[in-house]
Amino acid sequence: MRKAAGHAVRFLLLVAVAVALSSVLASLAPGQTPYGSALAPLAGSPALAASRCADKTCASFGGPCAKAVGYFCAKSAGQCFTKACP
């Protein structure tokens, strides 16, 4: 009888852990929460980089971009930056 009572206690403990775990996981599911942003539905899709290379490089430190295969040229704050295309 003592052995059966021990098994019953273990079974009830296992059921209690399963119920507690399922309630915690259900509360973590995404959905309506009081902490969600009211602007979330208005968010646009993320910006994606261009799929092709501009094929330009810096002609000089602050100068214009010149044609060069395999490079991307960008000007910012009076400086020219060149980066290799992936």
N, C-alpha and C. Protein backbone atom coordinates (compact mmCIF):
# COMPACT_ATOMS: atom_id res chain seq x y z
N MET A 1 0.81 -1.19 0.00
CA MET A 1 0.00 0.00 0.00
C MET A 1 0.85 1.26 0.00
N ARG A 2 1.95 1.20 0.74
CA ARG A 2 2.86 2.34 0.83
C ARG A 2 3.47 2.65 -0.55
N LYS A 3 3.77 1.59 -1.32
CA LYS A 3 4.35 1.74 -2.64
C LYS A 3 3.36 2.41 -3.59
N ALA A 4 2.10 2.03 -3.52
CA ALA A 4 1.06 2.62 -4.38
C ALA A 4 0.86 4.09 -4.06
N ALA A 5 0.92 4.45 -2.79
CA ALA A 5 0.78 5.85 -2.39
C ALA A 5 1.95 6.69 -2.92
N GLY A 6 3.13 6.12 -2.89
CA GLY A 6 4.31 6.82 -3.42
C GLY A 6 4.19 7.06 -4.92
N HIS A 7 3.69 6.05 -5.65
CA HIS A 7 3.49 6.21 -7.09
C HIS A 7 2.41 7.25 -7.39
N ALA A 8 1.36 7.28 -6.59
CA ALA A 8 0.28 8.25 -6.77
C ALA A 8 0.80 9.67 -6.55
N VAL A 9 1.62 9.86 -5.53
CA VAL A 9 2.19 11.18 -5.25
C VAL A 9 3.10 11.62 -6.40
N ARG A 10 3.91 10.72 -6.89
CA ARG A 10 4.78 11.05 -8.03
C ARG A 10 3.97 11.41 -9.27
N PHE A 11 2.91 10.65 -9.52
CA PHE A 11 2.05 10.92 -10.67
C PHE A 11 1.39 12.30 -10.55
N LEU A 12 0.86 12.60 -9.36
CA LEU A 12 0.23 13.90 -9.16
C LEU A 12 1.24 15.04 -9.28
N LEU A 13 2.44 14.83 -8.82
CA LEU A 13 3.50 15.83 -8.95
C LEU A 13 3.85 16.05 -10.41
N LEU A 14 3.94 14.98 -11.18
CA LEU A 14 4.22 15.07 -12.60
C LEU A 14 3.11 15.82 -13.34
N VAL A 15 1.87 15.55 -12.99
CA VAL A 15 0.73 16.25 -13.60
C VAL A 15 0.78 17.73 -13.25
N ALA A 16 1.09 18.06 -12.00
CA ALA A 16 1.16 19.46 -11.57
C ALA A 16 2.26 20.21 -12.32
N VAL A 17 3.40 19.58 -12.52
CA VAL A 17 4.49 20.20 -13.26
C VAL A 17 4.09 20.41 -14.72
N ALA A 18 3.42 19.44 -15.32
CA ALA A 18 2.98 19.57 -16.72
C ALA A 18 1.98 20.71 -16.88
N VAL A 19 1.04 20.82 -15.94
CA VAL A 19 0.05 21.91 -16.00
C VAL A 19 0.73 23.26 -15.82
N ALA A 20 1.65 23.36 -14.88
CA ALA A 20 2.36 24.62 -14.65
C ALA A 20 3.19 25.01 -15.87
N LEU A 21 3.86 24.04 -16.47
CA LEU A 21 4.68 24.30 -17.64
C LEU A 21 3.83 24.74 -18.83
N SER A 22 2.69 24.10 -19.03
CA SER A 22 1.84 24.48 -20.15
C SER A 22 1.25 25.87 -19.96
N SER A 23 0.93 26.26 -18.74
CA SER A 23 0.40 27.60 -18.50
C SER A 23 1.47 28.66 -18.70
N VAL A 24 2.70 28.36 -18.32
CA VAL A 24 3.80 29.31 -18.54
C VAL A 24 4.07 29.47 -20.03
N LEU A 25 4.10 28.37 -20.76
CA LEU A 25 4.37 28.45 -22.20
C LEU A 25 3.22 29.14 -22.94
N ALA A 26 2.00 28.96 -22.49
CA ALA A 26 0.86 29.62 -23.13
C ALA A 26 0.91 31.13 -22.91
N SER A 27 1.41 31.55 -21.76
CA SER A 27 1.50 32.99 -21.49
C SER A 27 2.63 33.64 -22.28
N LEU A 28 3.59 32.88 -22.76
CA LEU A 28 4.69 33.43 -23.54
C LEU A 28 4.37 33.53 -25.03
N ALA A 29 3.25 32.98 -25.45
CA ALA A 29 2.89 33.01 -26.87
C ALA A 29 2.60 34.45 -27.29
N PRO A 30 3.00 34.83 -28.52
CA PRO A 30 2.73 36.19 -28.97
C PRO A 30 1.23 36.43 -29.11
N GLY A 31 0.83 37.62 -28.86
CA GLY A 31 -0.58 37.96 -28.96
C GLY A 31 -0.82 39.32 -28.35
N GLN A 32 -2.03 39.57 -27.95
CA GLN A 32 -2.37 40.85 -27.34
C GLN A 32 -1.86 40.89 -25.91
N THR A 33 -1.01 41.85 -25.62
CA THR A 33 -0.52 42.05 -24.27
C THR A 33 -0.66 43.53 -23.96
N PRO A 34 -0.72 43.88 -22.71
CA PRO A 34 -0.82 45.30 -22.37
C PRO A 34 0.48 46.05 -22.69
N TYR A 35 1.55 45.32 -22.99
CA TYR A 35 2.83 45.96 -23.26
C TYR A 35 3.13 46.10 -24.74
N GLY A 36 2.22 45.68 -25.59
CA GLY A 36 2.42 45.80 -27.04
C GLY A 36 2.26 47.24 -27.49
N SER A 37 2.89 47.59 -28.57
CA SER A 37 2.81 48.93 -29.11
C SER A 37 1.52 49.10 -29.89
N ALA A 38 0.90 50.26 -29.75
CA ALA A 38 -0.30 50.56 -30.52
C ALA A 38 0.04 50.77 -31.99
N LEU A 39 1.29 51.03 -32.29
CA LEU A 39 1.72 51.28 -33.67
C LEU A 39 2.24 50.03 -34.36
N ALA A 40 2.28 48.91 -33.68
CA ALA A 40 2.82 47.68 -34.26
C ALA A 40 2.12 47.27 -35.55
N PRO A 41 0.80 47.37 -35.67
CA PRO A 41 0.17 46.98 -36.94
C PRO A 41 0.54 47.89 -38.10
N LEU A 42 1.03 49.09 -37.81
CA LEU A 42 1.37 50.03 -38.87
C LEU A 42 2.80 49.88 -39.37
N ALA A 43 3.56 49.03 -38.73
CA ALA A 43 4.97 48.85 -39.11
C ALA A 43 5.07 48.26 -40.50
N GLY A 44 5.97 48.80 -41.29
CA GLY A 44 6.18 48.29 -42.65
C GLY A 44 7.14 47.12 -42.64
N SER A 45 7.40 46.62 -43.81
CA SER A 45 8.35 45.52 -43.92
C SER A 45 9.77 46.07 -43.76
N PRO A 46 10.71 45.25 -43.30
CA PRO A 46 12.07 45.73 -43.12
C PRO A 46 12.72 46.10 -44.45
N ALA A 47 13.61 47.07 -44.39
CA ALA A 47 14.32 47.49 -45.60
C ALA A 47 15.33 46.43 -45.99
N LEU A 48 15.39 46.13 -47.25
CA LEU A 48 16.34 45.14 -47.75
C LEU A 48 17.37 45.81 -48.64
N ALA A 49 18.57 45.30 -48.60
CA ALA A 49 19.64 45.85 -49.42
C ALA A 49 19.41 45.52 -50.89
N ALA A 50 20.00 46.32 -51.73
CA ALA A 50 19.88 46.08 -53.16
C ALA A 50 20.51 44.73 -53.51
N SER A 51 19.93 44.06 -54.47
CA SER A 51 20.42 42.73 -54.81
C SER A 51 21.57 42.76 -55.80
N ARG A 52 21.87 43.92 -56.35
CA ARG A 52 22.98 43.98 -57.29
C ARG A 52 23.96 45.07 -56.89
N CYS A 53 25.15 45.00 -57.40
CA CYS A 53 26.21 45.93 -57.06
C CYS A 53 26.14 47.18 -57.95
N ALA A 54 26.47 48.33 -57.38
CA ALA A 54 26.44 49.59 -58.14
C ALA A 54 27.64 49.71 -59.09
N ASP A 55 28.69 48.92 -58.86
CA ASP A 55 29.91 48.95 -59.68
C ASP A 55 30.52 50.35 -59.75
N LYS A 56 30.75 50.94 -58.56
CA LYS A 56 31.40 52.26 -58.48
C LYS A 56 32.39 52.26 -57.33
N THR A 57 33.43 53.07 -57.46
CA THR A 57 34.42 53.23 -56.41
C THR A 57 34.75 54.71 -56.25
N CYS A 58 35.41 55.09 -55.16
CA CYS A 58 35.76 56.49 -54.94
C CYS A 58 36.92 56.88 -55.85
N ALA A 59 36.77 58.00 -56.54
CA ALA A 59 37.84 58.49 -57.41
C ALA A 59 38.92 59.17 -56.58
N SER A 60 38.54 59.81 -55.47
CA SER A 60 39.49 60.45 -54.56
C SER A 60 38.85 60.49 -53.17
N PHE A 61 39.57 61.03 -52.17
CA PHE A 61 39.11 61.02 -50.79
C PHE A 61 37.72 61.65 -50.63
N GLY A 62 37.51 62.80 -51.15
CA GLY A 62 36.22 63.47 -51.05
C GLY A 62 35.56 63.62 -52.39
N GLY A 63 36.12 63.00 -53.38
CA GLY A 63 35.66 63.20 -54.75
C GLY A 63 34.46 62.37 -55.14
N PRO A 64 34.15 62.40 -56.40
CA PRO A 64 32.98 61.68 -56.90
C PRO A 64 33.26 60.18 -57.03
N CYS A 65 32.19 59.44 -57.23
CA CYS A 65 32.31 58.01 -57.46
C CYS A 65 32.61 57.77 -58.94
N ALA A 66 33.46 56.78 -59.21
CA ALA A 66 33.83 56.44 -60.59
C ALA A 66 33.46 54.99 -60.84
N LYS A 67 33.31 54.64 -62.10
CA LYS A 67 32.93 53.29 -62.49
C LYS A 67 34.04 52.29 -62.16
N ALA A 68 33.71 51.20 -61.47
CA ALA A 68 34.64 50.13 -61.15
C ALA A 68 33.83 48.88 -60.83
N VAL A 69 34.10 47.79 -61.49
CA VAL A 69 33.33 46.56 -61.32
C VAL A 69 33.62 45.91 -59.97
N GLY A 70 32.55 45.55 -59.24
CA GLY A 70 32.70 44.83 -57.98
C GLY A 70 32.80 45.68 -56.74
N TYR A 71 32.51 46.98 -56.84
CA TYR A 71 32.62 47.88 -55.69
C TYR A 71 31.37 48.73 -55.55
N PHE A 72 31.13 49.19 -54.31
CA PHE A 72 30.02 50.08 -54.01
C PHE A 72 30.60 51.36 -53.41
N CYS A 73 30.18 52.51 -53.90
CA CYS A 73 30.69 53.80 -53.46
C CYS A 73 29.57 54.56 -52.75
N ALA A 74 29.88 55.18 -51.60
CA ALA A 74 28.91 56.00 -50.88
C ALA A 74 29.61 57.23 -50.34
N LYS A 75 28.92 58.38 -50.43
CA LYS A 75 29.46 59.63 -49.90
C LYS A 75 28.69 60.01 -48.67
N SER A 76 29.42 60.41 -47.61
CA SER A 76 28.80 60.83 -46.36
C SER A 76 29.69 61.85 -45.67
N ALA A 77 29.10 62.94 -45.26
CA ALA A 77 29.82 64.01 -44.52
C ALA A 77 31.06 64.47 -45.29
N GLY A 78 30.95 64.58 -46.60
CA GLY A 78 32.06 65.08 -47.42
C GLY A 78 33.14 64.05 -47.67
N GLN A 79 32.97 62.82 -47.24
CA GLN A 79 33.96 61.78 -47.48
C GLN A 79 33.35 60.71 -48.38
N CYS A 80 34.23 60.02 -49.08
CA CYS A 80 33.81 58.96 -49.98
C CYS A 80 34.26 57.61 -49.40
N PHE A 81 33.36 56.65 -49.36
CA PHE A 81 33.66 55.32 -48.83
C PHE A 81 33.42 54.27 -49.89
N THR A 82 34.38 53.34 -50.04
CA THR A 82 34.24 52.25 -51.00
C THR A 82 34.21 50.93 -50.26
N LYS A 83 33.30 50.07 -50.71
CA LYS A 83 33.16 48.75 -50.09
C LYS A 83 33.01 47.72 -51.20
N ALA A 84 33.65 46.56 -51.04
CA ALA A 84 33.54 45.51 -52.04
C ALA A 84 32.14 44.91 -51.99
N CYS A 85 31.59 44.61 -53.14
CA CYS A 85 30.27 43.99 -53.22
C CYS A 85 30.38 42.50 -52.86
N PRO A 86 29.33 41.97 -52.21
CA PRO A 86 29.38 40.55 -51.83
C PRO A 86 29.22 39.65 -53.05
